Amino acid sequence: LSTAIPSAGMIVDFTMPAMGRTMAIFSMFSGYIVLISAAGACETFIAGLCAEELFGINYKLFAAILLAIFLVVNLIGVEYLGQSQILLTSLKTATLAILGILGLMQIGNVSPQLPVEFAPYGWTPVLTAMGGGIWLYIGIEYVCPMSEEVINPEKNIPKAMIAGICTIFVCDMLFGQAIVRYVPLESLAGSAVPQMLGARTMFGTAGFVLLAVATIFSGASAANSHMAGVPRMIYGLARDGMLPKFLAYPHP
């Protein structure tokens, strides 16, 4: 849809022709404003908790600092937004992939590998977990509201989304396959931060610190993408007269 209607409004512009203005406004506020109010705070707080563990800084203060930094980045311009996002996502995905590969190859690990049974609880938990797996890819569409600022959006946005999904899948699979070889499934299921538990078990303090930093990068990346995507959807609504006009004002 974004390739057919390359507009900052994204879900608004997709919904309005089919269902009218009311549902277009509802889709924006229910699907994104409410979501970001909860998920965005959660992501930055998780980054803050990692910073608190590493540096002793209050997690709420750290989350506020992240928001302030990326507010400034977004105000400076879309080029700097893009550069910072590439840097953050590259660092976090590379960290996951490298730790996963080293763990699978038993390089530098401090714990022995455990025997792994295939689908030990059957297929029902796998099918149940698919809902969570799909949820984790929400956010891949945040590139769509950038359509008006992307060169050849009809070609580059689908390429970016497909490449992003494949990259995330490969990195997560490498890391996930590694940690189940070092931590019992019951321990992972009972942990609030299973990725940190896995990294510490595989590589000790060094692994924990590396993944904590990657988690901070992830929270920063989330804050950056929320500030990039959602305001452009609001801009699209305001430009079409569905929100106050001052919200359609573009920063010079």
C-alpha atoms as a PDB file:
ATOM      1  CA  LEU A   1       0.000   0.000   0.000  1.00  0.00           C
ATOM      2  CA  SER A   2       2.837   2.360   0.756  1.00  0.00           C
ATOM      3  CA  THR A   3       4.234   1.829  -2.728  1.00  0.00           C
ATOM      4  CA  ALA A   4       0.819   2.614  -4.235  1.00  0.00           C
ATOM      5  CA  ILE A   5       0.190   5.635  -1.965  1.00  0.00           C
ATOM      6  CA  PRO A   6       3.639   6.927  -0.942  1.00  0.00           C
ATOM      7  CA  SER A   7       2.444   9.435   1.654  1.00  0.00           C
ATOM      8  CA  ALA A   8       3.390  10.531   5.172  1.00  0.00           C
ATOM      9  CA  GLY A   9      -0.137   9.704   6.330  1.00  0.00           C
ATOM     10  CA  MET A  10       0.400   5.979   5.806  1.00  0.00           C
ATOM     11  CA  ILE A  11      -2.435   4.147   7.621  1.00  0.00           C
ATOM     12  CA  VAL A  12      -4.638   7.258   7.379  1.00  0.00           C
ATOM     13  CA  ASP A  13      -4.278   7.420   3.597  1.00  0.00           C
ATOM     14  CA  PHE A  14      -4.807   3.660   3.297  1.00  0.00           C
ATOM     15  CA  THR A  15      -7.948   3.608   5.447  1.00  0.00           C
ATOM     16  CA  MET A  16      -9.766   6.744   4.296  1.00  0.00           C
ATOM     17  CA  PRO A  17     -10.663   5.635   0.716  1.00  0.00           C
ATOM     18  CA  ALA A  18     -12.180   2.394   2.021  1.00  0.00           C
ATOM     19  CA  MET A  19     -13.741   3.371   5.349  1.00  0.00           C
ATOM     20  CA  GLY A  20     -13.919   7.167   5.552  1.00  0.00           C
ATOM     21  CA  ARG A  21     -12.481   9.917   7.732  1.00  0.00           C
ATOM     22  CA  THR A  22     -13.736   8.636  11.099  1.00  0.00           C
ATOM     23  CA  MET A  23     -12.111   5.225  10.745  1.00  0.00           C
ATOM     24  CA  ALA A  24      -8.951   6.812   9.331  1.00  0.00           C
ATOM     25  CA  ILE A  25      -8.601   8.966  12.443  1.00  0.00           C
ATOM     26  CA  PHE A  26      -9.497   6.008  14.694  1.00  0.00           C
ATOM     27  CA  SER A  27      -6.905   3.766  13.004  1.00  0.00           C
ATOM     28  CA  MET A  28      -4.182   6.321  13.627  1.00  0.00           C
ATOM     29  CA  PHE A  29      -4.971   6.965  17.281  1.00  0.00           C
ATOM     30  CA  SER A  30      -5.846   3.410  18.296  1.00  0.00           C
ATOM     31  CA  GLY A  31      -3.158   1.711  16.216  1.00  0.00           C
ATOM     32  CA  TYR A  32      -0.265   4.058  16.895  1.00  0.00           C
ATOM     33  CA  ILE A  33      -0.778   6.802  19.492  1.00  0.00           C
ATOM     34  CA  VAL A  34      -2.086   4.331  22.112  1.00  0.00           C
ATOM     35  CA  LEU A  35       0.505   1.722  21.107  1.00  0.00           C
ATOM     36  CA  ILE A  36       3.440   4.127  21.357  1.00  0.00           C
ATOM     37  CA  SER A  37       2.237   5.460  24.703  1.00  0.00           C
ATOM     38  CA  ALA A  38       2.695   1.954  26.145  1.00  0.00           C
ATOM     39  CA  ALA A  39       5.245   0.137  23.984  1.00  0.00           C
ATOM     40  CA  GLY A  40       7.493   3.160  23.465  1.00  0.00           C
ATOM     41  CA  ALA A  41       7.735   3.787  27.195  1.00  0.00           C
ATOM     42  CA  CYS A  42       8.377   0.084  27.826  1.00  0.00           C
ATOM     43  CA  GLU A  43      11.233  -0.043  25.296  1.00  0.00           C
ATOM     44  CA  THR A  44      12.992   3.042  26.642  1.00  0.00           C
ATOM     45  CA  PHE A  45      12.527   1.872  30.239  1.00  0.00           C
ATOM     46  CA  ILE A  46      14.117  -1.503  29.381  1.00  0.00           C
ATOM     47  CA  ALA A  47      17.109   0.385  27.995  1.00  0.00           C
ATOM     48  CA  GLY A  48      17.109   2.464  31.188  1.00  0.00           C
ATOM     49  CA  LEU A  49      17.105  -0.649  33.383  1.00  0.00           C
ATOM     50  CA  CYS A  50      20.177  -1.942  31.533  1.00  0.00           C
ATOM     51  CA  ALA A  51      21.897   1.436  31.988  1.00  0.00           C
ATOM     52  CA  GLU A  52      20.996   1.381  35.689  1.00  0.00           C
ATOM     53  CA  GLU A  53      22.561  -2.066  36.012  1.00  0.00           C
ATOM     54  CA  LEU A  54      25.735  -1.018  34.173  1.00  0.00           C
ATOM     55  CA  PHE A  55      26.252   2.603  35.217  1.00  0.00           C
ATOM     56  CA  GLY A  56      24.049   3.149  38.279  1.00  0.00           C
ATOM     57  CA  ILE A  57      21.995   5.877  36.591  1.00  0.00           C
ATOM     58  CA  ASN A  58      18.256   5.977  37.397  1.00  0.00           C
ATOM     59  CA  TYR A  59      16.364   4.158  34.633  1.00  0.00           C
ATOM     60  CA  LYS A  60      13.656   6.822  34.293  1.00  0.00           C
ATOM     61  CA  LEU A  61      16.272   9.558  34.002  1.00  0.00           C
ATOM     62  CA  PHE A  62      18.154   7.556  31.370  1.00  0.00           C
ATOM     63  CA  ALA A  63      14.931   7.000  29.389  1.00  0.00           C
ATOM     64  CA  ALA A  64      14.271  10.747  29.484  1.00  0.00           C
ATOM     65  CA  ILE A  65      17.826  11.444  28.268  1.00  0.00           C
ATOM     66  CA  LEU A  66      17.299   9.038  25.338  1.00  0.00           C
ATOM     67  CA  LEU A  67      14.083  10.831  24.380  1.00  0.00           C
ATOM     68  CA  ALA A  68      15.767  14.237  24.565  1.00  0.00           C
ATOM     69  CA  ILE A  69      18.716  13.113  22.411  1.00  0.00           C
ATOM     70  CA  PHE A  70      16.557  11.699  19.645  1.00  0.00           C
ATOM     71  CA  LEU A  71      14.131  14.591  19.759  1.00  0.00           C
ATOM     72  CA  VAL A  72      17.104  16.795  18.854  1.00  0.00           C
ATOM     73  CA  VAL A  73      18.261  14.342  16.152  1.00  0.00           C
ATOM     74  CA  ASN A  74      14.790  14.381  14.567  1.00  0.00           C
ATOM     75  CA  LEU A  75      14.650  18.169  14.697  1.00  0.00           C
ATOM     76  CA  ILE A  76      18.031  18.510  12.971  1.00  0.00           C
ATOM     77  CA  GLY A  77      16.761  16.606   9.938  1.00  0.00           C
ATOM     78  CA  VAL A  78      15.849  13.349   8.285  1.00  0.00           C
ATOM     79  CA  GLU A  79      19.391  12.725   6.996  1.00  0.00           C
ATOM     80  CA  TYR A  80      20.798  12.620  10.543  1.00  0.00           C
ATOM     81  CA  LEU A  81      17.840  10.555  11.664  1.00  0.00           C
ATOM     82  CA  GLY A  82      18.657   7.967   8.992  1.00  0.00           C
ATOM     83  CA  GLN A  83      22.355   7.897   9.817  1.00  0.00           C
ATOM     84  CA  SER A  84      21.768   7.467  13.541  1.00  0.00           C
ATOM     85  CA  GLN A  85      19.202   4.713  12.941  1.00  0.00           C
ATOM     86  CA  ILE A  86      21.559   2.779  10.657  1.00  0.00           C
ATOM     87  CA  LEU A  87      24.315   3.002  13.276  1.00  0.00           C
ATOM     88  CA  LEU A  88      22.112   1.905  16.195  1.00  0.00           C
ATOM     89  CA  THR A  89      20.428  -0.999  14.389  1.00  0.00           C
ATOM     90  CA  SER A  90      23.696  -2.225  12.876  1.00  0.00           C
ATOM     91  CA  LEU A  91      25.412  -2.297  16.270  1.00  0.00           C
ATOM     92  CA  LYS A  92      22.608  -4.128  18.065  1.00  0.00           C
ATOM     93  CA  THR A  93      21.958  -6.735  15.350  1.00  0.00           C
ATOM     94  CA  ALA A  94      25.688  -7.355  14.850  1.00  0.00           C
ATOM     95  CA  THR A  95      26.119  -7.908  18.602  1.00  0.00           C
ATOM     96  CA  LEU A  96      23.285 -10.470  18.662  1.00  0.00           C
ATOM     97  CA  ALA A  97      24.623 -12.296  15.606  1.00  0.00           C
ATOM     98  CA  ILE A  98      28.242 -12.394  16.815  1.00  0.00           C
ATOM     99  CA  LEU A  99      27.302 -13.644  20.292  1.00  0.00           C
ATOM    100  CA  GLY A 100      25.077 -16.282  18.695  1.00  0.00           C
ATOM    101  CA  ILE A 101      27.768 -17.505  16.309  1.00  0.00           C
ATOM    102  CA  LEU A 102      30.424 -17.619  19.048  1.00  0.00           C
ATOM    103  CA  GLY A 103      28.047 -19.507  21.328  1.00  0.00           C
ATOM    104  CA  LEU A 104      27.119 -22.054  18.675  1.00  0.00           C
ATOM    105  CA  MET A 105      30.809 -22.596  17.826  1.00  0.00           C
ATOM    106  CA  GLN A 106      31.779 -22.748  21.531  1.00  0.00           C
ATOM    107  CA  ILE A 107      34.304 -19.937  21.185  1.00  0.00           C
ATOM    108  CA  GLY A 108      35.014 -18.001  24.380  1.00  0.00           C
ATOM    109  CA  ASN A 109      32.144 -19.539  26.320  1.00  0.00           C
ATOM    110  CA  VAL A 110      32.404 -20.026  30.092  1.00  0.00           C
ATOM    111  CA  SER A 111      29.742 -22.738  30.407  1.00  0.00           C
ATOM    112  CA  PRO A 112      29.381 -26.139  28.744  1.00  0.00           C
ATOM    113  CA  GLN A 113      26.675 -26.755  26.171  1.00  0.00           C
ATOM    114  CA  LEU A 114      23.531 -28.643  27.168  1.00  0.00           C
ATOM    115  CA  PRO A 115      21.786 -31.331  25.101  1.00  0.00           C
ATOM    116  CA  VAL A 116      18.874 -29.817  23.183  1.00  0.00           C
ATOM    117  CA  GLU A 117      15.740 -31.766  22.379  1.00  0.00           C
ATOM    118  CA  PHE A 118      13.735 -30.722  19.305  1.00  0.00           C
ATOM    119  CA  ALA A 119      10.287 -29.290  20.231  1.00  0.00           C
ATOM    120  CA  PRO A 120      10.377 -30.815  23.754  1.00  0.00           C
ATOM    121  CA  TYR A 121       6.853 -29.627  24.615  1.00  0.00           C
ATOM    122  CA  GLY A 122       5.252 -30.466  21.282  1.00  0.00           C
ATOM    123  CA  TRP A 123       3.817 -28.101  18.681  1.00  0.00           C
ATOM    124  CA  THR A 124       1.103 -26.416  20.765  1.00  0.00           C
ATOM    125  CA  PRO A 125       3.510 -23.966  22.507  1.00  0.00           C
ATOM    126  CA  VAL A 126       5.136 -23.251  19.136  1.00  0.00           C
ATOM    127  CA  LEU A 127       1.801 -22.273  17.588  1.00  0.00           C
ATOM    128  CA  THR A 128       0.896 -20.229  20.683  1.00  0.00           C
ATOM    129  CA  ALA A 129       4.200 -18.363  20.515  1.00  0.00           C
ATOM    130  CA  MET A 130       3.604 -17.391  16.880  1.00  0.00           C
ATOM    131  CA  GLY A 131       1.344 -14.549  18.057  1.00  0.00           C
ATOM    132  CA  GLY A 132       4.196 -13.126  20.089  1.00  0.00           C
ATOM    133  CA  GLY A 133       6.573 -13.645  17.187  1.00  0.00           C
ATOM    134  CA  ILE A 134       4.339 -11.631  14.847  1.00  0.00           C
ATOM    135  CA  TRP A 135       3.979  -8.892  17.491  1.00  0.00           C
ATOM    136  CA  LEU A 136       7.773  -8.522  17.662  1.00  0.00           C
ATOM    137  CA  TYR A 137       7.823  -7.416  14.018  1.00  0.00           C
ATOM    138  CA  ILE A 138       5.401  -4.537  14.623  1.00  0.00           C
ATOM    139  CA  GLY A 139       7.385  -1.421  13.831  1.00  0.00           C
ATOM    140  CA  ILE A 140       8.801  -2.681  10.527  1.00  0.00           C
ATOM    141  CA  GLU A 141       6.196  -0.433   8.845  1.00  0.00           C
ATOM    142  CA  TYR A 142       7.602   2.727  10.457  1.00  0.00           C
ATOM    143  CA  VAL A 143       9.581   3.271   7.281  1.00  0.00           C
ATOM    144  CA  CYS A 144       6.304   3.797   5.358  1.00  0.00           C
ATOM    145  CA  PRO A 145       5.511   7.303   6.707  1.00  0.00           C
ATOM    146  CA  MET A 146       8.983   8.299   5.454  1.00  0.00           C
ATOM    147  CA  SER A 147       7.809   7.753   1.866  1.00  0.00           C
ATOM    148  CA  GLU A 148       7.872  11.434   0.971  1.00  0.00           C
ATOM    149  CA  GLU A 149      11.511  11.697   2.097  1.00  0.00           C
ATOM    150  CA  VAL A 150      12.857   8.483   0.561  1.00  0.00           C
ATOM    151  CA  ILE A 151      14.380   8.310  -2.920  1.00  0.00           C
ATOM    152  CA  ASN A 152      12.290   5.990  -5.141  1.00  0.00           C
ATOM    153  CA  PRO A 153      10.003   4.874  -2.280  1.00  0.00           C
ATOM    154  CA  GLU A 154       8.118   2.470  -4.571  1.00  0.00           C
ATOM    155  CA  LYS A 155      11.270   0.337  -4.856  1.00  0.00           C
ATOM    156  CA  ASN A 156      13.362   1.214  -1.811  1.00  0.00           C
ATOM    157  CA  ILE A 157      10.720   0.850   0.916  1.00  0.00           C
ATOM    158  CA  PRO A 158       9.798  -2.772   0.032  1.00  0.00           C
ATOM    159  CA  LYS A 159      13.508  -3.626  -0.304  1.00  0.00           C
ATOM    160  CA  ALA A 160      14.245  -2.072   3.086  1.00  0.00           C
ATOM    161  CA  MET A 161      11.360  -3.849   4.810  1.00  0.00           C
ATOM    162  CA  ILE A 162      12.232  -7.267   3.338  1.00  0.00           C
ATOM    163  CA  ALA A 163      15.944  -6.843   4.088  1.00  0.00           C
ATOM    164  CA  GLY A 164      15.126  -5.685   7.617  1.00  0.00           C
ATOM    165  CA  ILE A 165      12.837  -8.635   8.352  1.00  0.00           C
ATOM    166  CA  CYS A 166      15.362 -11.156   6.999  1.00  0.00           C
ATOM    167  CA  THR A 167      18.269  -9.591   8.925  1.00  0.00           C
ATOM    168  CA  ILE A 168      16.345  -9.552  12.214  1.00  0.00           C
ATOM    169  CA  PHE A 169      15.202 -13.143  11.681  1.00  0.00           C
ATOM    170  CA  VAL A 170      18.726 -14.442  11.030  1.00  0.00           C
ATOM    171  CA  CYS A 171      20.294 -12.578  13.979  1.00  0.00           C
ATOM    172  CA  ASP A 172      17.539 -13.604  16.397  1.00  0.00           C
ATOM    173  CA  MET A 173      17.701 -17.236  15.254  1.00  0.00           C
ATOM    174  CA  LEU A 174      21.471 -17.389  15.724  1.00  0.00           C
ATOM    175  CA  PHE A 175      21.256 -15.950  19.218  1.00  0.00           C
ATOM    176  CA  GLY A 176      18.157 -17.932  20.166  1.00  0.00           C
ATOM    177  CA  GLN A 177      19.672 -21.215  18.974  1.00  0.00           C
ATOM    178  CA  ALA A 178      22.788 -20.446  21.035  1.00  0.00           C
ATOM    179  CA  ILE A 179      21.171 -19.572  24.376  1.00  0.00           C
ATOM    180  CA  VAL A 180      18.983 -22.696  24.493  1.00  0.00           C
ATOM    181  CA  ARG A 181      22.215 -24.706  24.366  1.00  0.00           C
ATOM    182  CA  TYR A 182      23.472 -23.108  27.575  1.00  0.00           C
ATOM    183  CA  VAL A 183      20.396 -22.259  29.675  1.00  0.00           C
ATOM    184  CA  PRO A 184      17.589 -24.719  30.548  1.00  0.00           C
ATOM    185  CA  LEU A 185      14.284 -23.818  28.893  1.00  0.00           C
ATOM    186  CA  GLU A 186      12.587 -23.534  32.299  1.00  0.00           C
ATOM    187  CA  SER A 187      15.098 -20.879  33.385  1.00  0.00           C
ATOM    188  CA  LEU A 188      14.616 -18.893  30.172  1.00  0.00           C
ATOM    189  CA  ALA A 189      10.833 -19.077  30.475  1.00  0.00           C
ATOM    190  CA  GLY A 190      10.970 -17.847  34.082  1.00  0.00           C
ATOM    191  CA  SER A 191      13.318 -14.923  33.437  1.00  0.00           C
ATOM    192  CA  ALA A 192      12.157 -11.351  32.804  1.00  0.00           C
ATOM    193  CA  VAL A 193      15.293 -10.757  30.708  1.00  0.00           C
ATOM    194  CA  PRO A 194      16.132 -14.158  29.153  1.00  0.00           C
ATOM    195  CA  GLN A 195      18.515 -12.630  26.612  1.00  0.00           C
ATOM    196  CA  MET A 196      20.651 -11.201  29.433  1.00  0.00           C
ATOM    197  CA  LEU A 197      20.578 -14.511  31.288  1.00  0.00           C
ATOM    198  CA  GLY A 198      21.691 -16.309  28.126  1.00  0.00           C
ATOM    199  CA  ALA A 199      24.520 -13.882  27.402  1.00  0.00           C
ATOM    200  CA  ARG A 200      25.815 -14.050  31.000  1.00  0.00           C
ATOM    201  CA  THR A 201      25.672 -17.864  31.033  1.00  0.00           C
ATOM    202  CA  MET A 202      27.497 -18.154  27.703  1.00  0.00           C
ATOM    203  CA  PHE A 203      30.174 -15.502  28.154  1.00  0.00           C
ATOM    204  CA  GLY A 204      30.080 -14.336  31.767  1.00  0.00           C
ATOM    205  CA  THR A 205      30.259 -10.644  32.646  1.00  0.00           C
ATOM    206  CA  ALA A 206      31.616  -9.711  29.202  1.00  0.00           C
ATOM    207  CA  GLY A 207      28.587 -11.221  27.478  1.00  0.00           C
ATOM    208  CA  PHE A 208      26.215  -9.548  29.915  1.00  0.00           C
ATOM    209  CA  VAL A 209      27.796  -6.128  29.356  1.00  0.00           C
ATOM    210  CA  LEU A 210      27.816  -6.507  25.572  1.00  0.00           C
ATOM    211  CA  LEU A 211      24.158  -7.471  25.413  1.00  0.00           C
ATOM    212  CA  ALA A 212      23.176  -4.797  27.929  1.00  0.00           C
ATOM    213  CA  VAL A 213      24.786  -2.203  25.647  1.00  0.00           C
ATOM    214  CA  ALA A 214      23.001  -3.734  22.636  1.00  0.00           C
ATOM    215  CA  THR A 215      19.702  -3.511  24.557  1.00  0.00           C
ATOM    216  CA  ILE A 216      20.387   0.168  25.242  1.00  0.00           C
ATOM    217  CA  PHE A 217      20.985   0.658  21.520  1.00  0.00           C
ATOM    218  CA  SER A 218      17.698  -1.135  20.871  1.00  0.00           C
ATOM    219  CA  GLY A 219      15.780   1.202  23.191  1.00  0.00           C
ATOM    220  CA  ALA A 220      17.448   4.195  21.573  1.00  0.00           C
ATOM    221  CA  SER A 221      16.567   2.883  18.111  1.00  0.00           C
ATOM    222  CA  ALA A 222      12.938   2.406  19.179  1.00  0.00           C
ATOM    223  CA  ALA A 223      12.703   5.975  20.507  1.00  0.00           C
ATOM    224  CA  ASN A 224      14.247   7.257  17.280  1.00  0.00           C
ATOM    225  CA  SER A 225      11.839   5.324  15.039  1.00  0.00           C
ATOM    226  CA  HIS A 226       8.758   6.321  17.049  1.00  0.00           C
ATOM    227  CA  MET A 227       9.721   9.974  16.755  1.00  0.00           C
ATOM    228  CA  ALA A 228      10.312   9.562  13.037  1.00  0.00           C
ATOM    229  CA  GLY A 229       7.182   7.652  12.070  1.00  0.00           C
ATOM    230  CA  VAL A 230       4.286   8.718  14.279  1.00  0.00           C
ATOM    231  CA  PRO A 231       4.659  12.520  13.908  1.00  0.00           C
ATOM    232  CA  ARG A 232       4.604  12.083  10.143  1.00  0.00           C
ATOM    233  CA  MET A 233       1.308  10.207  10.416  1.00  0.00           C
ATOM    234  CA  ILE A 234      -0.060  13.066  12.534  1.00  0.00           C
ATOM    235  CA  TYR A 235       1.257  15.465   9.883  1.00  0.00           C
ATOM    236  CA  GLY A 236      -0.646  13.516   7.212  1.00  0.00           C
ATOM    237  CA  LEU A 237      -3.880  13.765   9.219  1.00  0.00           C
ATOM    238  CA  ALA A 238      -3.446  17.490   9.801  1.00  0.00           C
ATOM    239  CA  ARG A 239      -2.556  18.174   6.161  1.00  0.00           C
ATOM    240  CA  ASP A 240      -5.840  16.557   5.118  1.00  0.00           C
ATOM    241  CA  GLY A 241      -7.812  18.666   7.596  1.00  0.00           C
ATOM    242  CA  MET A 242      -8.503  15.901  10.123  1.00  0.00           C
ATOM    243  CA  LEU A 243      -6.403  17.465  12.887  1.00  0.00           C
ATOM    244  CA  PRO A 244      -5.556  21.125  13.679  1.00  0.00           C
ATOM    245  CA  LYS A 245      -3.533  22.704  10.873  1.00  0.00           C
ATOM    246  CA  PHE A 246      -0.600  23.694  13.098  1.00  0.00           C
ATOM    247  CA  LEU A 247       0.287  19.974  13.347  1.00  0.00           C
ATOM    248  CA  ALA A 248       1.010  20.025   9.603  1.00  0.00           C
ATOM    249  CA  TYR A 249       3.770  22.607  10.045  1.00  0.00           C
ATOM    250  CA  PRO A 250       7.113  21.175   8.820  1.00  0.00           C
ATOM    251  CA  HIS A 251      10.227  22.247  10.714  1.00  0.00           C
ATOM    252  CA  PRO A 252      12.467  24.337   8.410  1.00  0.00           C
END
